[in-house]
Amino acid sequence: MKLSSRLQACADFVIRGNTVADIGTDHGYLPIYLYKNGIAPRVYAADLREKPLASARANAERYGIGDKITFCLSDGLENLPVEELQTIVCAGMGGDCIAEILKNCPQCFTEGRQFILQPQSATPELRLYLSRNGFEILRETFAQDGRFVYAIMDVRYTGRAKPFLNGEEYLPQGDIRRNDPLYAGFLQRVEEVLVKTVDNMHRGRNVDQDKLHHFESALALVREERSNGICE
């Protein structure tokens, strides 16, 4: 089966042989792909709602592996055997939602466990949460889905907090393929959002100067990264 570029990027990060849980599995394509291609010998497909979970079951049956994937109706990681999971995937949801899923499952904070995170929104906020709570982003890659370019993060829990400074959470972290054309597109979009935010704050009244300085610092960092020419 062929995955979307976004899900393929997630699949490419999975450590071969790991037991994997896909949180918010929707149609179940990622678990099906991982099992069918021998990447993950044990796969859990979890979703908050019964309807997408039923769709995932039907798709797995269609590919002849309905009995090979464990399906769980679960709010985040709540109903999953977390101690068995070596890789946890959260893809296709807001970064704030991903952060909440992690926050609500402190037992998943185990050193060395792999997390593959693909936020649809609130990406800087997710990076900020990770940095403050002992997670390290080892690498980021990028995938285009429709008009938008998304970041996919390969993350480990280390237990060592490393807070960002001066808006660094707006920049991708870890190992990055800076010659990837999608990286340039991703940064351009980040810059556009920050420019709009800063301009709106300058036109506003009773502006929080600390917040304004933070966004201006983030904008300067993104512009510096783009001006280096390494992602053009």
C-alpha atoms as a PDB file:
ATOM      1  CA  MET A   1       0.000   0.000   0.000  1.00  0.00           C
ATOM      2  CA  LYS A   2       1.089   3.584  -0.623  1.00  0.00           C
ATOM      3  CA  LEU A   3       0.994   6.070   2.232  1.00  0.00           C
ATOM      4  CA  SER A   4       0.618   9.816   2.025  1.00  0.00           C
ATOM      5  CA  SER A   5       3.952  11.640   2.151  1.00  0.00           C
ATOM      6  CA  ARG A   6       3.115  12.721   5.710  1.00  0.00           C
ATOM      7  CA  LEU A   7       2.501   9.190   6.981  1.00  0.00           C
ATOM      8  CA  GLN A   8       5.417   7.826   4.965  1.00  0.00           C
ATOM      9  CA  ALA A   9       7.722  10.242   6.764  1.00  0.00           C
ATOM     10  CA  CYS A  10       6.397   8.904  10.073  1.00  0.00           C
ATOM     11  CA  ALA A  11       6.891   5.305   8.933  1.00  0.00           C
ATOM     12  CA  ASP A  12      10.457   6.044   7.836  1.00  0.00           C
ATOM     13  CA  PHE A  13      11.344   7.152  11.371  1.00  0.00           C
ATOM     14  CA  VAL A  14      10.100   3.964  13.071  1.00  0.00           C
ATOM     15  CA  ILE A  15      12.906   1.813  14.476  1.00  0.00           C
ATOM     16  CA  ARG A  16      12.588  -1.574  12.794  1.00  0.00           C
ATOM     17  CA  GLY A  17      11.513  -4.325  15.183  1.00  0.00           C
ATOM     18  CA  ASN A  18       9.883  -2.000  17.715  1.00  0.00           C
ATOM     19  CA  THR A  19       6.404  -2.495  19.132  1.00  0.00           C
ATOM     20  CA  VAL A  20       4.450   0.515  17.874  1.00  0.00           C
ATOM     21  CA  ALA A  21       1.276   2.324  18.921  1.00  0.00           C
ATOM     22  CA  ASP A  22      -0.411   4.721  16.506  1.00  0.00           C
ATOM     23  CA  ILE A  23      -2.483   7.198  18.509  1.00  0.00           C
ATOM     24  CA  GLY A  24      -5.379   8.716  16.579  1.00  0.00           C
ATOM     25  CA  THR A  25      -5.009   6.045  13.911  1.00  0.00           C
ATOM     26  CA  ASP A  26      -8.034   7.157  11.871  1.00  0.00           C
ATOM     27  CA  HIS A  27      -8.136   4.755   8.882  1.00  0.00           C
ATOM     28  CA  GLY A  28      -5.326   2.615  10.269  1.00  0.00           C
ATOM     29  CA  TYR A  29      -3.074   2.994   7.248  1.00  0.00           C
ATOM     30  CA  LEU A  30       0.132   3.515   9.220  1.00  0.00           C
ATOM     31  CA  PRO A  31      -0.223   0.361  11.404  1.00  0.00           C
ATOM     32  CA  ILE A  32      -1.184  -1.674   8.341  1.00  0.00           C
ATOM     33  CA  TYR A  33       1.872  -0.440   6.437  1.00  0.00           C
ATOM     34  CA  LEU A  34       4.227  -1.064   9.351  1.00  0.00           C
ATOM     35  CA  TYR A  35       3.045  -4.645   9.801  1.00  0.00           C
ATOM     36  CA  LYS A  36       2.736  -5.512   6.108  1.00  0.00           C
ATOM     37  CA  ASN A  37       6.283  -4.297   5.433  1.00  0.00           C
ATOM     38  CA  GLY A  38       7.835  -6.144   8.363  1.00  0.00           C
ATOM     39  CA  ILE A  39       8.833  -2.933  10.135  1.00  0.00           C
ATOM     40  CA  ALA A  40       6.873  -3.586  13.336  1.00  0.00           C
ATOM     41  CA  PRO A  41       6.040  -7.136  14.492  1.00  0.00           C
ATOM     42  CA  ARG A  42       3.470  -5.851  17.005  1.00  0.00           C
ATOM     43  CA  VAL A  43       1.247  -2.863  16.311  1.00  0.00           C
ATOM     44  CA  TYR A  44      -1.510  -1.126  18.268  1.00  0.00           C
ATOM     45  CA  ALA A  45      -4.029   1.115  16.501  1.00  0.00           C
ATOM     46  CA  ALA A  46      -5.821   3.474  18.882  1.00  0.00           C
ATOM     47  CA  ASP A  47      -8.488   6.093  18.407  1.00  0.00           C
ATOM     48  CA  LEU A  48     -10.790   8.099  20.624  1.00  0.00           C
ATOM     49  CA  ARG A  49     -13.847   7.353  18.480  1.00  0.00           C
ATOM     50  CA  GLU A  50     -15.420   4.072  17.482  1.00  0.00           C
ATOM     51  CA  LYS A  51     -16.207   5.060  13.887  1.00  0.00           C
ATOM     52  CA  PRO A  52     -12.586   5.623  12.720  1.00  0.00           C
ATOM     53  CA  LEU A  53     -11.516   2.560  14.694  1.00  0.00           C
ATOM     54  CA  ALA A  54     -14.115   0.496  12.847  1.00  0.00           C
ATOM     55  CA  SER A  55     -12.758   1.895   9.575  1.00  0.00           C
ATOM     56  CA  ALA A  56      -9.233   0.890  10.618  1.00  0.00           C
ATOM     57  CA  ARG A  57     -10.440  -2.642  11.415  1.00  0.00           C
ATOM     58  CA  ALA A  58     -12.163  -2.904   8.048  1.00  0.00           C
ATOM     59  CA  ASN A  59      -9.039  -1.758   6.223  1.00  0.00           C
ATOM     60  CA  ALA A  60      -6.869  -4.235   8.107  1.00  0.00           C
ATOM     61  CA  GLU A  61      -9.294  -7.021   7.161  1.00  0.00           C
ATOM     62  CA  ARG A  62      -9.141  -5.905   3.547  1.00  0.00           C
ATOM     63  CA  TYR A  63      -5.357  -6.294   3.618  1.00  0.00           C
ATOM     64  CA  GLY A  64      -5.646  -9.701   5.280  1.00  0.00           C
ATOM     65  CA  ILE A  65      -4.154  -8.713   8.649  1.00  0.00           C
ATOM     66  CA  GLY A  66      -7.249  -8.026  10.731  1.00  0.00           C
ATOM     67  CA  ASP A  67      -6.024 -10.426  13.395  1.00  0.00           C
ATOM     68  CA  LYS A  68      -2.458  -9.059  13.429  1.00  0.00           C
ATOM     69  CA  ILE A  69      -3.199  -5.554  14.723  1.00  0.00           C
ATOM     70  CA  THR A  70      -4.561  -4.768  18.194  1.00  0.00           C
ATOM     71  CA  PHE A  71      -7.302  -2.135  18.050  1.00  0.00           C
ATOM     72  CA  CYS A  72      -7.982   0.012  21.114  1.00  0.00           C
ATOM     73  CA  LEU A  73     -10.702   2.536  21.825  1.00  0.00           C
ATOM     74  CA  SER A  74      -8.624   4.942  23.870  1.00  0.00           C
ATOM     75  CA  ASP A  75      -8.339   8.572  24.886  1.00  0.00           C
ATOM     76  CA  GLY A  76      -4.677   9.054  24.027  1.00  0.00           C
ATOM     77  CA  LEU A  77      -2.620   6.342  25.727  1.00  0.00           C
ATOM     78  CA  GLU A  78      -5.170   5.697  28.477  1.00  0.00           C
ATOM     79  CA  ASN A  79      -6.187   2.134  27.490  1.00  0.00           C
ATOM     80  CA  LEU A  80      -2.880   0.956  26.042  1.00  0.00           C
ATOM     81  CA  PRO A  81      -0.203  -1.253  27.654  1.00  0.00           C
ATOM     82  CA  VAL A  82       2.335   1.569  27.750  1.00  0.00           C
ATOM     83  CA  GLU A  83       5.074  -0.602  29.244  1.00  0.00           C
ATOM     84  CA  GLU A  84       5.072  -2.712  26.040  1.00  0.00           C
ATOM     85  CA  LEU A  85       5.381   0.211  23.655  1.00  0.00           C
ATOM     86  CA  GLN A  86       8.782   1.070  22.214  1.00  0.00           C
ATOM     87  CA  THR A  87       7.564   3.586  19.644  1.00  0.00           C
ATOM     88  CA  ILE A  88       4.591   5.908  20.094  1.00  0.00           C
ATOM     89  CA  VAL A  89       3.255   7.781  17.066  1.00  0.00           C
ATOM     90  CA  CYS A  90       1.008  10.830  17.359  1.00  0.00           C
ATOM     91  CA  ALA A  91       0.271  12.194  13.894  1.00  0.00           C
ATOM     92  CA  GLY A  92      -2.336  14.418  12.313  1.00  0.00           C
ATOM     93  CA  MET A  93      -3.482  16.318  15.391  1.00  0.00           C
ATOM     94  CA  GLY A  94      -2.665  19.668  16.958  1.00  0.00           C
ATOM     95  CA  GLY A  95       0.604  20.097  18.814  1.00  0.00           C
ATOM     96  CA  ASP A  96      -1.330  21.165  21.905  1.00  0.00           C
ATOM     97  CA  CYS A  97      -3.303  17.899  21.755  1.00  0.00           C
ATOM     98  CA  ILE A  98      -0.105  15.859  21.400  1.00  0.00           C
ATOM     99  CA  ALA A  99       1.404  17.645  24.400  1.00  0.00           C
ATOM    100  CA  GLU A 100      -1.741  16.893  26.414  1.00  0.00           C
ATOM    101  CA  ILE A 101      -1.588  13.189  25.484  1.00  0.00           C
ATOM    102  CA  LEU A 102       2.004  13.002  26.719  1.00  0.00           C
ATOM    103  CA  LYS A 103       1.260  15.040  29.840  1.00  0.00           C
ATOM    104  CA  ASN A 104      -1.583  12.686  30.780  1.00  0.00           C
ATOM    105  CA  CYS A 105       0.654   9.610  30.546  1.00  0.00           C
ATOM    106  CA  PRO A 106       3.686  10.128  32.811  1.00  0.00           C
ATOM    107  CA  GLN A 107       4.370   6.362  32.709  1.00  0.00           C
ATOM    108  CA  CYS A 108       5.445   6.790  29.074  1.00  0.00           C
ATOM    109  CA  PHE A 109       8.305   9.029  30.221  1.00  0.00           C
ATOM    110  CA  THR A 110      10.867   6.252  29.949  1.00  0.00           C
ATOM    111  CA  GLU A 111      14.409   6.936  28.821  1.00  0.00           C
ATOM    112  CA  GLY A 112      15.105   5.802  25.281  1.00  0.00           C
ATOM    113  CA  ARG A 113      11.463   5.368  24.198  1.00  0.00           C
ATOM    114  CA  GLN A 114      10.856   6.665  20.694  1.00  0.00           C
ATOM    115  CA  PHE A 115       8.128   9.201  19.952  1.00  0.00           C
ATOM    116  CA  ILE A 116       7.243  10.153  16.385  1.00  0.00           C
ATOM    117  CA  LEU A 117       5.218  13.356  16.447  1.00  0.00           C
ATOM    118  CA  GLN A 118       3.579  15.118  13.521  1.00  0.00           C
ATOM    119  CA  PRO A 119       1.597  18.164  14.598  1.00  0.00           C
ATOM    120  CA  GLN A 120      -0.901  19.774  12.244  1.00  0.00           C
ATOM    121  CA  SER A 121      -0.720  23.035  14.179  1.00  0.00           C
ATOM    122  CA  ALA A 122       0.886  24.568  17.291  1.00  0.00           C
ATOM    123  CA  THR A 123       4.263  23.143  16.285  1.00  0.00           C
ATOM    124  CA  PRO A 124       6.349  25.693  18.263  1.00  0.00           C
ATOM    125  CA  GLU A 125       4.207  25.080  21.331  1.00  0.00           C
ATOM    126  CA  LEU A 126       4.859  21.353  21.055  1.00  0.00           C
ATOM    127  CA  ARG A 127       8.614  21.901  20.752  1.00  0.00           C
ATOM    128  CA  LEU A 128       8.443  24.124  23.816  1.00  0.00           C
ATOM    129  CA  TYR A 129       6.596  21.460  25.824  1.00  0.00           C
ATOM    130  CA  LEU A 130       9.102  18.794  24.807  1.00  0.00           C
ATOM    131  CA  SER A 131      12.120  20.904  25.716  1.00  0.00           C
ATOM    132  CA  ARG A 132      10.735  21.761  29.148  1.00  0.00           C
ATOM    133  CA  ASN A 133       9.763  18.203  30.036  1.00  0.00           C
ATOM    134  CA  GLY A 134      12.845  16.140  29.311  1.00  0.00           C
ATOM    135  CA  PHE A 135      12.306  15.206  25.658  1.00  0.00           C
ATOM    136  CA  GLU A 136      14.945  15.646  22.961  1.00  0.00           C
ATOM    137  CA  ILE A 137      14.139  16.156  19.293  1.00  0.00           C
ATOM    138  CA  LEU A 138      16.804  14.131  17.482  1.00  0.00           C
ATOM    139  CA  ARG A 139      15.752  15.106  13.986  1.00  0.00           C
ATOM    140  CA  GLU A 140      12.978  16.667  11.983  1.00  0.00           C
ATOM    141  CA  THR A 141      11.895  16.075   8.418  1.00  0.00           C
ATOM    142  CA  PHE A 142       9.158  17.646   6.329  1.00  0.00           C
ATOM    143  CA  ALA A 143       6.247  16.480   4.229  1.00  0.00           C
ATOM    144  CA  GLN A 144       3.739  18.307   2.078  1.00  0.00           C
ATOM    145  CA  ASP A 145       0.056  17.516   2.410  1.00  0.00           C
ATOM    146  CA  GLY A 146      -2.057  19.664   0.119  1.00  0.00           C
ATOM    147  CA  ARG A 147      -0.928  23.290   0.392  1.00  0.00           C
ATOM    148  CA  PHE A 148       0.841  22.858   3.723  1.00  0.00           C
ATOM    149  CA  VAL A 149       4.260  21.579   4.727  1.00  0.00           C
ATOM    150  CA  TYR A 150       4.400  19.780   8.073  1.00  0.00           C
ATOM    151  CA  ALA A 151       7.257  18.874  10.391  1.00  0.00           C
ATOM    152  CA  ILE A 152       7.714  15.287  11.550  1.00  0.00           C
ATOM    153  CA  MET A 153       9.788  14.853  14.717  1.00  0.00           C
ATOM    154  CA  ASP A 154      11.838  11.884  15.901  1.00  0.00           C
ATOM    155  CA  VAL A 155      11.926  12.301  19.683  1.00  0.00           C
ATOM    156  CA  ARG A 156      13.396  10.502  22.698  1.00  0.00           C
ATOM    157  CA  TYR A 157      12.709  10.946  26.369  1.00  0.00           C
ATOM    158  CA  THR A 158      15.947  11.753  28.232  1.00  0.00           C
ATOM    159  CA  GLY A 159      14.645  13.257  31.472  1.00  0.00           C
ATOM    160  CA  ARG A 160      16.842  16.309  30.937  1.00  0.00           C
ATOM    161  CA  ALA A 161      14.992  19.563  30.390  1.00  0.00           C
ATOM    162  CA  LYS A 162      16.587  21.979  27.952  1.00  0.00           C
ATOM    163  CA  PRO A 163      14.372  25.059  27.642  1.00  0.00           C
ATOM    164  CA  PHE A 164      14.560  27.112  24.470  1.00  0.00           C
ATOM    165  CA  LEU A 165      15.683  30.725  24.519  1.00  0.00           C
ATOM    166  CA  ASN A 166      14.576  33.760  22.511  1.00  0.00           C
ATOM    167  CA  GLY A 167      12.026  32.049  20.290  1.00  0.00           C
ATOM    168  CA  GLU A 168      14.144  29.033  19.309  1.00  0.00           C
ATOM    169  CA  GLU A 169      11.027  26.845  19.403  1.00  0.00           C
ATOM    170  CA  TYR A 170      10.059  28.317  16.019  1.00  0.00           C
ATOM    171  CA  LEU A 171      13.072  26.658  14.383  1.00  0.00           C
ATOM    172  CA  PRO A 172      13.198  22.915  13.570  1.00  0.00           C
ATOM    173  CA  GLN A 173      15.557  21.046  15.871  1.00  0.00           C
ATOM    174  CA  GLY A 174      18.123  18.266  15.755  1.00  0.00           C
ATOM    175  CA  ASP A 175      19.389  16.766  12.532  1.00  0.00           C
ATOM    176  CA  ILE A 176      17.769  18.517   9.561  1.00  0.00           C
ATOM    177  CA  ARG A 177      18.269  18.072   5.824  1.00  0.00           C
ATOM    178  CA  ARG A 178      18.719  21.743   5.078  1.00  0.00           C
ATOM    179  CA  ASN A 179      18.958  21.172   1.325  1.00  0.00           C
ATOM    180  CA  ASP A 180      15.413  19.758   1.327  1.00  0.00           C
ATOM    181  CA  PRO A 181      13.222  22.187  -0.686  1.00  0.00           C
ATOM    182  CA  LEU A 182      10.394  21.512   1.767  1.00  0.00           C
ATOM    183  CA  TYR A 183      12.527  22.971   4.555  1.00  0.00           C
ATOM    184  CA  ALA A 184      12.607  26.304   2.738  1.00  0.00           C
ATOM    185  CA  GLY A 185       8.844  26.179   2.291  1.00  0.00           C
ATOM    186  CA  PHE A 186       8.305  25.303   5.935  1.00  0.00           C
ATOM    187  CA  LEU A 187      10.469  28.214   7.137  1.00  0.00           C
ATOM    188  CA  GLN A 188       8.768  30.607   4.759  1.00  0.00           C
ATOM    189  CA  ARG A 189       5.398  29.762   6.248  1.00  0.00           C
ATOM    190  CA  VAL A 190       6.752  30.185   9.802  1.00  0.00           C
ATOM    191  CA  GLU A 191       8.161  33.587   8.852  1.00  0.00           C
ATOM    192  CA  GLU A 192       4.845  34.690   7.337  1.00  0.00           C
ATOM    193  CA  VAL A 193       2.973  33.777  10.519  1.00  0.00           C
ATOM    194  CA  LEU A 194       5.493  35.588  12.723  1.00  0.00           C
ATOM    195  CA  VAL A 195       5.464  38.704  10.524  1.00  0.00           C
ATOM    196  CA  LYS A 196       1.673  38.867  10.808  1.00  0.00           C
ATOM    197  CA  THR A 197       1.833  38.364  14.585  1.00  0.00           C
ATOM    198  CA  VAL A 198       4.453  41.063  15.096  1.00  0.00           C
ATOM    199  CA  ASP A 199       2.684  43.540  12.793  1.00  0.00           C
ATOM    200  CA  ASN A 200      -0.627  43.017  14.597  1.00  0.00           C
ATOM    201  CA  MET A 201       1.023  43.556  17.963  1.00  0.00           C
ATOM    202  CA  HIS A 202       2.680  46.776  16.792  1.00  0.00           C
ATOM    203  CA  ARG A 203      -0.721  48.081  15.729  1.00  0.00           C
ATOM    204  CA  GLY A 204      -2.372  47.073  18.967  1.00  0.00           C
ATOM    205  CA  ARG A 205      -2.794  48.869  22.259  1.00  0.00           C
ATOM    206  CA  ASN A 206      -1.501  47.860  25.678  1.00  0.00           C
ATOM    207  CA  VAL A 207       0.858  45.382  24.054  1.00  0.00           C
ATOM    208  CA  ASP A 208       2.722  42.907  26.261  1.00  0.00           C
ATOM    209  CA  GLN A 209       6.276  44.013  25.523  1.00  0.00           C
ATOM    210  CA  ASP A 210       7.797  40.741  26.703  1.00  0.00           C
ATOM    211  CA  LYS A 211       5.651  38.772  24.247  1.00  0.00           C
ATOM    212  CA  LEU A 212       6.427  41.222  21.462  1.00  0.00           C
ATOM    213  CA  HIS A 213      10.157  40.876  22.124  1.00  0.00           C
ATOM    214  CA  HIS A 214       9.811  37.099  22.092  1.00  0.00           C
ATOM    215  CA  PHE A 215       8.077  37.049  18.707  1.00  0.00           C
ATOM    216  CA  GLU A 216      10.540  39.575  17.281  1.00  0.00           C
ATOM    217  CA  SER A 217      13.431  37.389  18.442  1.00  0.00           C
ATOM    218  CA  ALA A 218      11.836  34.329  16.874  1.00  0.00           C
ATOM    219  CA  LEU A 219      11.330  36.214  13.609  1.00  0.00           C
ATOM    220  CA  ALA A 220      14.972  37.310  13.582  1.00  0.00           C
ATOM    221  CA  LEU A 221      16.099  33.693  14.102  1.00  0.00           C
ATOM    222  CA  VAL A 222      13.926  32.392  11.267  1.00  0.00           C
ATOM    223  CA  ARG A 223      15.093  35.148   8.916  1.00  0.00           C
ATOM    224  CA  GLU A 224      18.705  34.424   9.803  1.00  0.00           C
ATOM    225  CA  GLU A 225      18.220  30.736   9.045  1.00  0.00           C
ATOM    226  CA  ARG A 226      16.625  31.551   5.695  1.00  0.00           C
ATOM    227  CA  SER A 227      19.260  34.149   4.798  1.00  0.00           C
ATOM    228  CA  ASN A 228      22.038  31.601   5.255  1.00  0.00           C
ATOM    229  CA  GLY A 229      21.037  30.227   1.883  1.00  0.00           C
ATOM    230  CA  ILE A 230      21.314  26.636   3.052  1.00  0.00           C
ATOM    231  CA  CYS A 231      17.658  25.941   2.446  1.00  0.00           C
ATOM    232  CA  GLU A 232      17.131  27.793  -0.824  1.00  0.00           C
END
